[in-house]
């Protein structure tokens, strides 16, 4: 798999769904690594086809893959060693892996919803907050960008935001704003 391959696959799925959806909205919803795929696809759709995504929802996102790798807990012990950046972080770039959501959201114009749990132990909520701040600053229509955090007491962590019974109503309210 490659970053461009993921994006191509998502756009093929988008085309398939669009051909069968009638006038229904189609949004890109990415979780974790998939948030980079979702923003790549939305940007490519907009820039190469002139089509704006109906919406993008990012669940447990990061700014870009380099910053994500530098902040995930498993790398904490390795960050102190010389060569960490070259061996780990730079190797992602050498492999063509960037997933630049922070750059992508600067050019998007579609509604953007960012969801992050305060107790996310994989991707720190500060990355979701930073991505939101980047998007909010770049968007002309600030009302199209929303950041929702889920308190630690809910225990949603990295993988269970979708289990929150309030999520469907939150997303529906957001989509009705557009």
N, C-alpha and C. Protein backbone atom coordinates (compact mmCIF):
# COMPACT_ATOMS: atom_id res chain seq x y z
N UNK A 1 0.82 -1.20 0.00
CA UNK A 1 0.00 0.00 0.00
C UNK A 1 0.86 1.26 0.00
N UNK A 2 0.36 2.28 -0.62
CA UNK A 2 1.06 3.56 -0.65
C UNK A 2 0.06 4.67 -0.38
N UNK A 3 0.58 5.84 -0.06
CA UNK A 3 -0.30 6.98 0.20
C UNK A 3 -1.12 7.32 -1.04
N UNK A 4 -0.48 7.37 -2.19
CA UNK A 4 -1.22 7.69 -3.41
C UNK A 4 -2.20 6.57 -3.78
N UNK A 5 -1.83 5.34 -3.48
CA UNK A 5 -2.72 4.21 -3.73
C UNK A 5 -3.99 4.28 -2.88
N UNK A 6 -3.81 4.64 -1.60
CA UNK A 6 -4.98 4.82 -0.73
C UNK A 6 -5.91 5.88 -1.29
N UNK A 7 -5.33 7.00 -1.69
CA UNK A 7 -6.13 8.12 -2.20
C UNK A 7 -6.86 7.71 -3.47
N UNK A 8 -6.18 7.03 -4.36
CA UNK A 8 -6.80 6.55 -5.60
C UNK A 8 -7.95 5.59 -5.30
N UNK A 9 -7.74 4.69 -4.35
CA UNK A 9 -8.78 3.73 -3.97
C UNK A 9 -10.01 4.45 -3.39
N UNK A 10 -9.78 5.43 -2.54
CA UNK A 10 -10.89 6.16 -1.93
C UNK A 10 -11.67 6.93 -3.00
N UNK A 11 -10.97 7.52 -3.95
CA UNK A 11 -11.67 8.25 -5.01
C UNK A 11 -12.44 7.31 -5.92
N UNK A 12 -11.94 6.11 -6.13
CA UNK A 12 -12.69 5.12 -6.91
C UNK A 12 -13.96 4.71 -6.16
N UNK A 13 -13.84 4.54 -4.86
CA UNK A 13 -15.01 4.23 -4.04
C UNK A 13 -16.00 5.41 -4.04
N UNK A 14 -15.47 6.62 -3.98
CA UNK A 14 -16.32 7.81 -4.06
C UNK A 14 -17.11 7.81 -5.36
N UNK A 15 -16.42 7.57 -6.48
CA UNK A 15 -17.09 7.54 -7.79
C UNK A 15 -18.18 6.47 -7.82
N UNK A 16 -17.87 5.30 -7.28
CA UNK A 16 -18.84 4.20 -7.24
C UNK A 16 -20.07 4.61 -6.43
N UNK A 17 -19.84 5.17 -5.24
CA UNK A 17 -20.96 5.57 -4.38
C UNK A 17 -21.74 6.72 -4.99
N UNK A 18 -21.05 7.67 -5.59
CA UNK A 18 -21.72 8.84 -6.19
C UNK A 18 -22.63 8.39 -7.33
N UNK A 19 -22.20 7.42 -8.11
CA UNK A 19 -23.00 6.92 -9.23
C UNK A 19 -24.28 6.23 -8.76
N UNK A 20 -24.31 5.80 -7.52
CA UNK A 20 -25.45 5.04 -7.00
C UNK A 20 -26.24 5.78 -5.92
N UNK A 21 -25.82 7.00 -5.58
CA UNK A 21 -26.41 7.67 -4.42
C UNK A 21 -27.54 8.64 -4.75
N UNK A 22 -27.78 8.88 -6.02
CA UNK A 22 -28.77 9.89 -6.35
C UNK A 22 -28.28 11.25 -5.88
N UNK A 23 -29.10 11.95 -5.16
CA UNK A 23 -28.71 13.26 -4.64
C UNK A 23 -28.22 13.22 -3.20
N UNK A 24 -27.99 12.03 -2.68
CA UNK A 24 -27.53 11.90 -1.29
C UNK A 24 -26.12 12.47 -1.14
N UNK A 25 -25.88 13.02 0.03
CA UNK A 25 -24.54 13.53 0.34
C UNK A 25 -23.59 12.36 0.56
N UNK A 26 -22.37 12.58 0.15
CA UNK A 26 -21.31 11.61 0.40
C UNK A 26 -20.20 12.35 1.12
N UNK A 27 -19.83 11.84 2.27
CA UNK A 27 -18.77 12.50 3.01
C UNK A 27 -17.61 11.55 3.19
N UNK A 28 -16.46 12.13 3.43
CA UNK A 28 -15.26 11.36 3.74
C UNK A 28 -15.15 11.31 5.26
N UNK A 29 -15.07 10.09 5.80
CA UNK A 29 -14.94 9.91 7.25
C UNK A 29 -13.71 9.05 7.48
N UNK A 30 -12.72 9.63 8.12
CA UNK A 30 -11.49 8.89 8.40
C UNK A 30 -11.25 8.78 9.89
N UNK A 31 -10.69 7.65 10.28
CA UNK A 31 -10.30 7.42 11.67
C UNK A 31 -8.80 7.16 11.71
N UNK A 32 -8.10 7.84 12.62
CA UNK A 32 -6.69 7.63 12.85
C UNK A 32 -5.89 7.80 11.55
N UNK A 33 -5.18 6.77 11.09
CA UNK A 33 -4.43 6.88 9.84
C UNK A 33 -5.36 7.29 8.69
N UNK A 34 -6.59 6.83 8.74
CA UNK A 34 -7.56 7.14 7.70
C UNK A 34 -7.92 8.61 7.60
N UNK A 35 -7.61 9.41 8.64
CA UNK A 35 -7.90 10.84 8.54
C UNK A 35 -7.00 11.50 7.50
N UNK A 36 -5.77 11.01 7.40
CA UNK A 36 -4.88 11.53 6.36
C UNK A 36 -5.35 11.14 4.97
N UNK A 37 -5.88 9.93 4.86
CA UNK A 37 -6.42 9.46 3.59
C UNK A 37 -7.64 10.30 3.21
N UNK A 38 -8.50 10.57 4.19
CA UNK A 38 -9.72 11.35 3.93
C UNK A 38 -9.40 12.76 3.46
N UNK A 39 -8.44 13.43 4.12
CA UNK A 39 -8.12 14.80 3.69
C UNK A 39 -7.40 14.81 2.35
N UNK A 40 -6.56 13.79 2.10
CA UNK A 40 -5.91 13.69 0.78
C UNK A 40 -6.96 13.56 -0.32
N UNK A 41 -7.94 12.69 -0.10
CA UNK A 41 -8.97 12.44 -1.11
C UNK A 41 -9.82 13.68 -1.33
N UNK A 42 -10.21 14.34 -0.25
CA UNK A 42 -11.03 15.55 -0.38
C UNK A 42 -10.28 16.64 -1.13
N UNK A 43 -9.00 16.79 -0.83
CA UNK A 43 -8.20 17.81 -1.51
C UNK A 43 -8.04 17.48 -2.99
N UNK A 44 -7.74 16.22 -3.28
CA UNK A 44 -7.55 15.82 -4.67
C UNK A 44 -8.84 15.99 -5.47
N UNK A 45 -9.96 15.62 -4.87
CA UNK A 45 -11.27 15.78 -5.51
C UNK A 45 -11.50 17.26 -5.85
N UNK A 46 -11.18 18.12 -4.92
CA UNK A 46 -11.38 19.56 -5.09
C UNK A 46 -10.42 20.14 -6.13
N UNK A 47 -9.13 19.82 -6.02
CA UNK A 47 -8.14 20.43 -6.89
C UNK A 47 -8.11 19.85 -8.30
N UNK A 48 -8.29 18.55 -8.43
CA UNK A 48 -8.16 17.92 -9.74
C UNK A 48 -9.48 17.81 -10.49
N UNK A 49 -10.59 17.78 -9.76
CA UNK A 49 -11.89 17.62 -10.42
C UNK A 49 -12.80 18.83 -10.25
N UNK A 50 -12.40 19.74 -9.39
CA UNK A 50 -13.23 20.91 -9.13
C UNK A 50 -14.50 20.59 -8.36
N UNK A 51 -14.50 19.47 -7.64
CA UNK A 51 -15.67 19.05 -6.87
C UNK A 51 -15.34 19.15 -5.39
N UNK A 52 -16.18 19.84 -4.66
CA UNK A 52 -15.98 19.94 -3.22
C UNK A 52 -16.70 18.80 -2.53
N UNK A 53 -16.03 18.12 -1.62
CA UNK A 53 -16.67 17.05 -0.85
C UNK A 53 -17.85 17.63 -0.08
N UNK A 54 -18.87 16.81 0.13
CA UNK A 54 -20.03 17.29 0.89
C UNK A 54 -19.64 17.59 2.33
N UNK A 55 -18.70 16.84 2.88
CA UNK A 55 -18.18 17.08 4.22
C UNK A 55 -17.03 16.11 4.47
N UNK A 56 -16.21 16.46 5.45
CA UNK A 56 -15.12 15.59 5.91
C UNK A 56 -15.23 15.49 7.42
N UNK A 57 -15.22 14.25 7.92
CA UNK A 57 -15.24 14.00 9.37
C UNK A 57 -13.94 13.27 9.71
N UNK A 58 -13.23 13.83 10.68
CA UNK A 58 -11.94 13.25 11.09
C UNK A 58 -12.04 12.82 12.54
N UNK A 59 -11.89 11.54 12.77
CA UNK A 59 -12.00 10.95 14.10
C UNK A 59 -10.61 10.54 14.58
N UNK A 60 -10.16 11.11 15.68
CA UNK A 60 -8.83 10.85 16.24
C UNK A 60 -7.74 11.19 15.21
N UNK A 61 -7.73 12.43 14.72
CA UNK A 61 -6.78 12.79 13.67
C UNK A 61 -5.41 13.25 14.19
N UNK A 62 -4.55 13.52 13.25
CA UNK A 62 -3.22 14.05 13.49
C UNK A 62 -2.99 15.14 12.45
N UNK A 63 -1.91 15.85 12.58
CA UNK A 63 -1.60 16.93 11.63
C UNK A 63 -0.95 16.38 10.36
N UNK A 64 0.07 15.57 10.54
CA UNK A 64 0.76 14.91 9.42
C UNK A 64 1.44 13.68 10.01
N UNK A 65 1.82 12.76 9.17
CA UNK A 65 2.31 11.47 9.66
C UNK A 65 3.62 11.60 10.44
N UNK A 66 4.44 12.57 10.07
CA UNK A 66 5.70 12.77 10.80
C UNK A 66 5.43 13.19 12.24
N UNK A 67 4.53 14.14 12.40
CA UNK A 67 4.21 14.61 13.75
C UNK A 67 3.47 13.53 14.54
N UNK A 68 2.64 12.75 13.87
CA UNK A 68 1.95 11.65 14.54
C UNK A 68 2.97 10.64 15.07
N UNK A 69 3.90 10.25 14.23
CA UNK A 69 4.91 9.27 14.63
C UNK A 69 5.78 9.80 15.77
N UNK A 70 6.01 11.09 15.77
CA UNK A 70 6.83 11.69 16.83
C UNK A 70 6.09 11.76 18.16
N UNK A 71 4.76 11.64 18.13
CA UNK A 71 3.96 11.82 19.34
C UNK A 71 3.27 10.57 19.86
N UNK A 72 3.30 9.48 19.11
CA UNK A 72 2.63 8.29 19.63
C UNK A 72 3.46 7.74 20.80
N UNK A 73 2.79 7.23 21.80
CA UNK A 73 3.49 6.81 23.02
C UNK A 73 4.59 5.78 22.81
N UNK A 74 4.44 4.89 21.86
CA UNK A 74 5.44 3.83 21.67
C UNK A 74 6.81 4.39 21.29
N UNK A 75 6.83 5.59 20.71
CA UNK A 75 8.12 6.17 20.31
C UNK A 75 8.77 6.97 21.44
N UNK A 76 8.09 7.11 22.56
CA UNK A 76 8.60 7.95 23.65
C UNK A 76 10.01 7.56 24.09
N UNK A 77 10.24 6.28 24.28
CA UNK A 77 11.57 5.87 24.75
C UNK A 77 12.64 6.04 23.67
N UNK A 78 12.24 6.02 22.41
CA UNK A 78 13.21 6.13 21.32
C UNK A 78 13.56 7.57 20.98
N UNK A 79 12.70 8.51 21.35
CA UNK A 79 12.91 9.92 21.00
C UNK A 79 14.20 10.47 21.58
N UNK A 80 14.66 9.91 22.68
CA UNK A 80 15.87 10.41 23.34
C UNK A 80 17.16 9.96 22.65
N UNK A 81 17.08 8.96 21.80
CA UNK A 81 18.28 8.43 21.16
C UNK A 81 18.66 9.22 19.91
N UNK A 82 19.98 9.39 19.71
CA UNK A 82 20.42 10.05 18.49
C UNK A 82 19.98 9.24 17.27
N UNK A 83 19.59 9.91 16.25
CA UNK A 83 19.19 9.24 15.03
C UNK A 83 17.71 8.92 14.95
N UNK A 84 16.95 9.21 16.02
CA UNK A 84 15.51 8.91 15.99
C UNK A 84 14.84 9.57 14.80
N UNK A 85 15.11 10.86 14.63
CA UNK A 85 14.46 11.57 13.52
C UNK A 85 14.84 10.96 12.18
N UNK A 86 16.12 10.70 11.98
CA UNK A 86 16.56 10.15 10.70
C UNK A 86 16.03 8.74 10.47
N UNK A 87 16.20 7.87 11.46
CA UNK A 87 15.83 6.47 11.28
C UNK A 87 14.32 6.23 11.24
N UNK A 88 13.57 6.96 12.05
CA UNK A 88 12.13 6.72 12.14
C UNK A 88 11.36 7.75 11.33
N UNK A 89 11.50 9.01 11.69
CA UNK A 89 10.66 10.04 11.07
C UNK A 89 11.01 10.30 9.61
N UNK A 90 12.30 10.42 9.31
CA UNK A 90 12.69 10.66 7.92
C UNK A 90 12.42 9.46 7.02
N UNK A 91 12.40 8.26 7.61
CA UNK A 91 12.14 7.07 6.79
C UNK A 91 10.72 7.08 6.23
N UNK A 92 9.80 7.69 6.95
CA UNK A 92 8.43 7.82 6.43
C UNK A 92 8.43 8.66 5.16
N UNK A 93 9.14 9.77 5.19
CA UNK A 93 9.22 10.64 4.01
C UNK A 93 9.93 9.92 2.86
N UNK A 94 10.99 9.20 3.18
CA UNK A 94 11.71 8.46 2.12
C UNK A 94 10.80 7.40 1.48
N UNK A 95 9.85 6.91 2.25
CA UNK A 95 8.90 5.92 1.73
C UNK A 95 7.69 6.59 1.05
N UNK A 96 7.70 7.91 0.97
CA UNK A 96 6.61 8.63 0.32
C UNK A 96 5.36 8.73 1.17
N UNK A 97 5.53 8.67 2.49
CA UNK A 97 4.39 8.74 3.41
C UNK A 97 4.41 10.10 4.10
N UNK A 98 3.41 10.93 3.78
CA UNK A 98 3.33 12.27 4.36
C UNK A 98 1.99 12.52 5.05
N UNK A 99 0.90 12.10 4.41
CA UNK A 99 -0.45 12.32 4.92
C UNK A 99 -0.57 13.71 5.56
N UNK A 100 -0.42 14.76 4.75
CA UNK A 100 -0.36 16.13 5.27
C UNK A 100 -1.73 16.76 5.53
N UNK A 101 -2.45 16.24 6.48
CA UNK A 101 -3.77 16.80 6.77
C UNK A 101 -3.70 18.29 7.10
N UNK A 102 -2.63 18.71 7.78
CA UNK A 102 -2.48 20.13 8.12
C UNK A 102 -2.39 20.99 6.86
N UNK A 103 -1.74 20.51 5.83
CA UNK A 103 -1.67 21.25 4.56
C UNK A 103 -2.98 21.12 3.78
N UNK A 104 -3.58 19.94 3.84
CA UNK A 104 -4.82 19.70 3.10
C UNK A 104 -5.96 20.59 3.59
N UNK A 105 -6.11 20.72 4.92
CA UNK A 105 -7.24 21.50 5.43
C UNK A 105 -7.12 22.98 5.12
N UNK A 106 -5.92 23.43 4.78
CA UNK A 106 -5.73 24.84 4.43
C UNK A 106 -6.41 25.20 3.11
N UNK A 107 -6.64 24.20 2.27
CA UNK A 107 -7.22 24.49 0.96
C UNK A 107 -8.66 23.98 0.81
N UNK A 108 -9.13 23.20 1.78
CA UNK A 108 -10.49 22.69 1.68
C UNK A 108 -11.49 23.80 1.98
N UNK A 109 -12.68 23.65 1.43
CA UNK A 109 -13.75 24.59 1.71
C UNK A 109 -15.01 23.91 2.21
N UNK A 110 -15.01 22.59 2.21
CA UNK A 110 -16.19 21.83 2.63
C UNK A 110 -16.31 21.81 4.15
N UNK A 111 -17.49 21.49 4.67
CA UNK A 111 -17.63 21.36 6.12
C UNK A 111 -16.64 20.32 6.66
N UNK A 112 -16.02 20.67 7.78
CA UNK A 112 -14.99 19.83 8.39
C UNK A 112 -15.29 19.65 9.87
N UNK A 113 -15.48 18.41 10.28
CA UNK A 113 -15.76 18.08 11.67
C UNK A 113 -14.61 17.25 12.21
N UNK A 114 -14.02 17.71 13.30
CA UNK A 114 -12.91 16.99 13.93
C UNK A 114 -13.38 16.48 15.29
N UNK A 115 -13.20 15.18 15.51
CA UNK A 115 -13.62 14.52 16.75
C UNK A 115 -12.39 13.94 17.44
N UNK A 116 -12.25 14.21 18.73
CA UNK A 116 -11.11 13.65 19.45
C UNK A 116 -11.49 13.41 20.91
N UNK A 117 -11.09 12.27 21.43
CA UNK A 117 -11.31 11.95 22.84
C UNK A 117 -10.13 12.46 23.65
N UNK A 118 -10.43 13.07 24.79
CA UNK A 118 -9.37 13.61 25.65
C UNK A 118 -8.47 12.51 26.21
N UNK A 119 -8.95 11.27 26.24
CA UNK A 119 -8.14 10.17 26.78
C UNK A 119 -7.55 9.29 25.67
N UNK A 120 -7.38 9.87 24.49
CA UNK A 120 -6.78 9.13 23.38
C UNK A 120 -5.32 8.84 23.73
N UNK A 121 -4.99 7.58 23.89
CA UNK A 121 -3.64 7.17 24.26
C UNK A 121 -2.74 6.86 23.08
N UNK A 122 -3.26 6.98 21.87
CA UNK A 122 -2.46 6.70 20.67
C UNK A 122 -2.05 8.01 19.99
N UNK A 123 -3.03 8.82 19.66
CA UNK A 123 -2.76 10.13 19.05
C UNK A 123 -3.25 11.20 20.02
N UNK A 124 -2.34 11.95 20.59
CA UNK A 124 -2.73 12.93 21.60
C UNK A 124 -3.75 13.94 21.07
N UNK A 125 -4.71 14.33 21.91
CA UNK A 125 -5.71 15.30 21.48
C UNK A 125 -5.11 16.63 21.02
N UNK A 126 -3.88 16.93 21.47
CA UNK A 126 -3.25 18.18 21.03
C UNK A 126 -3.06 18.19 19.51
N UNK A 127 -2.92 17.02 18.89
CA UNK A 127 -2.78 16.98 17.43
C UNK A 127 -4.09 17.31 16.75
N UNK A 128 -5.20 16.81 17.28
CA UNK A 128 -6.51 17.15 16.74
C UNK A 128 -6.81 18.62 16.92
N UNK A 129 -6.45 19.16 18.08
CA UNK A 129 -6.66 20.58 18.36
C UNK A 129 -5.82 21.43 17.42
N UNK A 130 -4.59 21.04 17.19
CA UNK A 130 -3.70 21.79 16.30
C UNK A 130 -4.24 21.76 14.86
N UNK A 131 -4.76 20.62 14.45
CA UNK A 131 -5.34 20.50 13.10
C UNK A 131 -6.56 21.41 12.99
N UNK A 132 -7.39 21.42 14.02
CA UNK A 132 -8.56 22.31 14.03
C UNK A 132 -8.12 23.77 13.92
N UNK A 133 -7.14 24.17 14.70
CA UNK A 133 -6.67 25.56 14.68
C UNK A 133 -6.14 25.94 13.30
N UNK A 134 -5.44 25.02 12.66
CA UNK A 134 -4.94 25.27 11.31
C UNK A 134 -6.09 25.48 10.34
N UNK A 135 -7.08 24.60 10.41
CA UNK A 135 -8.24 24.70 9.51
C UNK A 135 -9.05 25.96 9.80
N UNK A 136 -9.30 26.21 11.06
CA UNK A 136 -10.11 27.37 11.44
C UNK A 136 -9.48 28.67 10.95
N UNK A 137 -8.16 28.73 11.05
CA UNK A 137 -7.43 29.92 10.59
C UNK A 137 -7.54 30.07 9.07
N UNK A 138 -7.50 28.96 8.35
CA UNK A 138 -7.48 28.99 6.89
C UNK A 138 -8.86 29.16 6.25
N UNK A 139 -9.88 28.62 6.89
CA UNK A 139 -11.22 28.65 6.29
C UNK A 139 -11.78 30.07 6.26
N UNK A 140 -12.34 30.44 5.12
CA UNK A 140 -13.02 31.74 5.01
C UNK A 140 -14.29 31.73 5.86
N UNK A 141 -15.06 30.65 5.73
CA UNK A 141 -16.29 30.50 6.50
C UNK A 141 -15.98 29.66 7.73
N UNK A 142 -15.71 30.32 8.84
CA UNK A 142 -15.30 29.65 10.08
C UNK A 142 -16.37 28.71 10.62
N UNK A 143 -17.63 28.95 10.27
CA UNK A 143 -18.72 28.10 10.78
C UNK A 143 -18.68 26.69 10.18
N UNK A 144 -17.88 26.50 9.13
CA UNK A 144 -17.79 25.19 8.49
C UNK A 144 -16.80 24.27 9.18
N UNK A 145 -16.09 24.77 10.17
CA UNK A 145 -15.09 23.97 10.87
C UNK A 145 -15.52 23.82 12.33
N UNK A 146 -15.57 22.57 12.80
CA UNK A 146 -15.99 22.33 14.17
C UNK A 146 -15.10 21.26 14.81
N UNK A 147 -14.80 21.47 16.07
CA UNK A 147 -13.98 20.54 16.84
C UNK A 147 -14.78 20.10 18.06
N UNK A 148 -14.99 18.80 18.20
CA UNK A 148 -15.70 18.25 19.33
C UNK A 148 -14.76 17.32 20.09
N UNK A 149 -14.64 17.58 21.38
CA UNK A 149 -13.84 16.68 22.22
C UNK A 149 -14.79 15.90 23.13
N UNK A 150 -14.34 14.73 23.47
CA UNK A 150 -15.09 13.85 24.35
C UNK A 150 -14.30 13.71 25.64
N UNK A 151 -14.94 14.00 26.79
CA UNK A 151 -14.20 13.98 28.05
C UNK A 151 -13.65 12.61 28.41
N UNK A 152 -12.57 12.65 29.15
CA UNK A 152 -11.87 11.44 29.57
C UNK A 152 -12.79 10.47 30.31
N UNK A 153 -13.73 11.00 31.09
CA UNK A 153 -14.60 10.16 31.90
C UNK A 153 -15.46 9.21 31.06
N UNK A 154 -15.62 9.50 29.77
CA UNK A 154 -16.39 8.60 28.90
C UNK A 154 -15.60 7.35 28.51
N UNK A 155 -14.28 7.43 28.63
CA UNK A 155 -13.43 6.27 28.34
C UNK A 155 -13.44 5.85 26.88
N UNK A 156 -13.54 6.81 25.97
CA UNK A 156 -13.63 6.47 24.54
C UNK A 156 -12.26 6.22 23.91
N UNK A 157 -11.23 6.77 24.51
CA UNK A 157 -9.88 6.54 24.01
C UNK A 157 -9.70 6.81 22.53
N UNK A 158 -8.88 6.01 21.90
CA UNK A 158 -8.57 6.19 20.49
C UNK A 158 -9.60 5.53 19.57
N UNK A 159 -10.19 4.46 20.02
CA UNK A 159 -10.99 3.63 19.11
C UNK A 159 -12.49 3.64 19.32
N UNK A 160 -13.00 4.31 20.33
CA UNK A 160 -14.41 4.10 20.66
C UNK A 160 -15.30 5.33 20.58
N UNK A 161 -14.87 6.38 19.90
CA UNK A 161 -15.74 7.54 19.70
C UNK A 161 -17.02 7.10 19.00
N UNK A 162 -16.92 6.19 18.07
CA UNK A 162 -18.10 5.74 17.31
C UNK A 162 -19.11 5.02 18.20
N UNK A 163 -18.70 4.62 19.40
CA UNK A 163 -19.62 3.94 20.32
C UNK A 163 -20.45 4.93 21.14
N UNK A 164 -20.07 6.21 21.11
CA UNK A 164 -20.79 7.20 21.89
C UNK A 164 -22.20 7.35 21.35
N UNK A 165 -23.22 7.14 22.19
CA UNK A 165 -24.60 7.20 21.70
C UNK A 165 -25.02 8.60 21.22
N UNK A 166 -24.29 9.63 21.62
CA UNK A 166 -24.61 10.99 21.18
C UNK A 166 -24.02 11.32 19.81
N UNK A 167 -23.11 10.48 19.31
CA UNK A 167 -22.41 10.80 18.06
C UNK A 167 -23.34 11.01 16.87
N UNK A 168 -24.32 10.14 16.62
CA UNK A 168 -25.19 10.38 15.45
C UNK A 168 -25.86 11.76 15.47
N UNK A 169 -26.34 12.18 16.64
CA UNK A 169 -26.98 13.49 16.74
C UNK A 169 -25.98 14.62 16.52
N UNK A 170 -24.76 14.47 17.05
CA UNK A 170 -23.73 15.49 16.87
C UNK A 170 -23.37 15.66 15.39
N UNK A 171 -23.22 14.54 14.71
CA UNK A 171 -22.87 14.59 13.29
C UNK A 171 -24.03 15.15 12.48
N UNK A 172 -25.23 14.71 12.79
CA UNK A 172 -26.41 15.20 12.07
C UNK A 172 -26.55 16.72 12.24
N UNK A 173 -26.38 17.20 13.47
CA UNK A 173 -26.44 18.64 13.71
C UNK A 173 -25.39 19.37 12.91
N UNK A 174 -24.19 18.82 12.87
CA UNK A 174 -23.10 19.46 12.10
C UNK A 174 -23.45 19.50 10.62
N UNK A 175 -23.90 18.38 10.08
CA UNK A 175 -24.21 18.32 8.65
C UNK A 175 -25.38 19.22 8.30
N UNK A 176 -26.30 19.43 9.20
CA UNK A 176 -27.43 20.32 8.94
C UNK A 176 -27.03 21.78 8.91
N UNK A 177 -25.85 22.09 9.45
CA UNK A 177 -25.35 23.47 9.44
C UNK A 177 -24.91 23.90 8.05
N UNK A 178 -24.48 22.96 7.24
CA UNK A 178 -23.93 23.33 5.93
C UNK A 178 -25.03 23.82 5.05
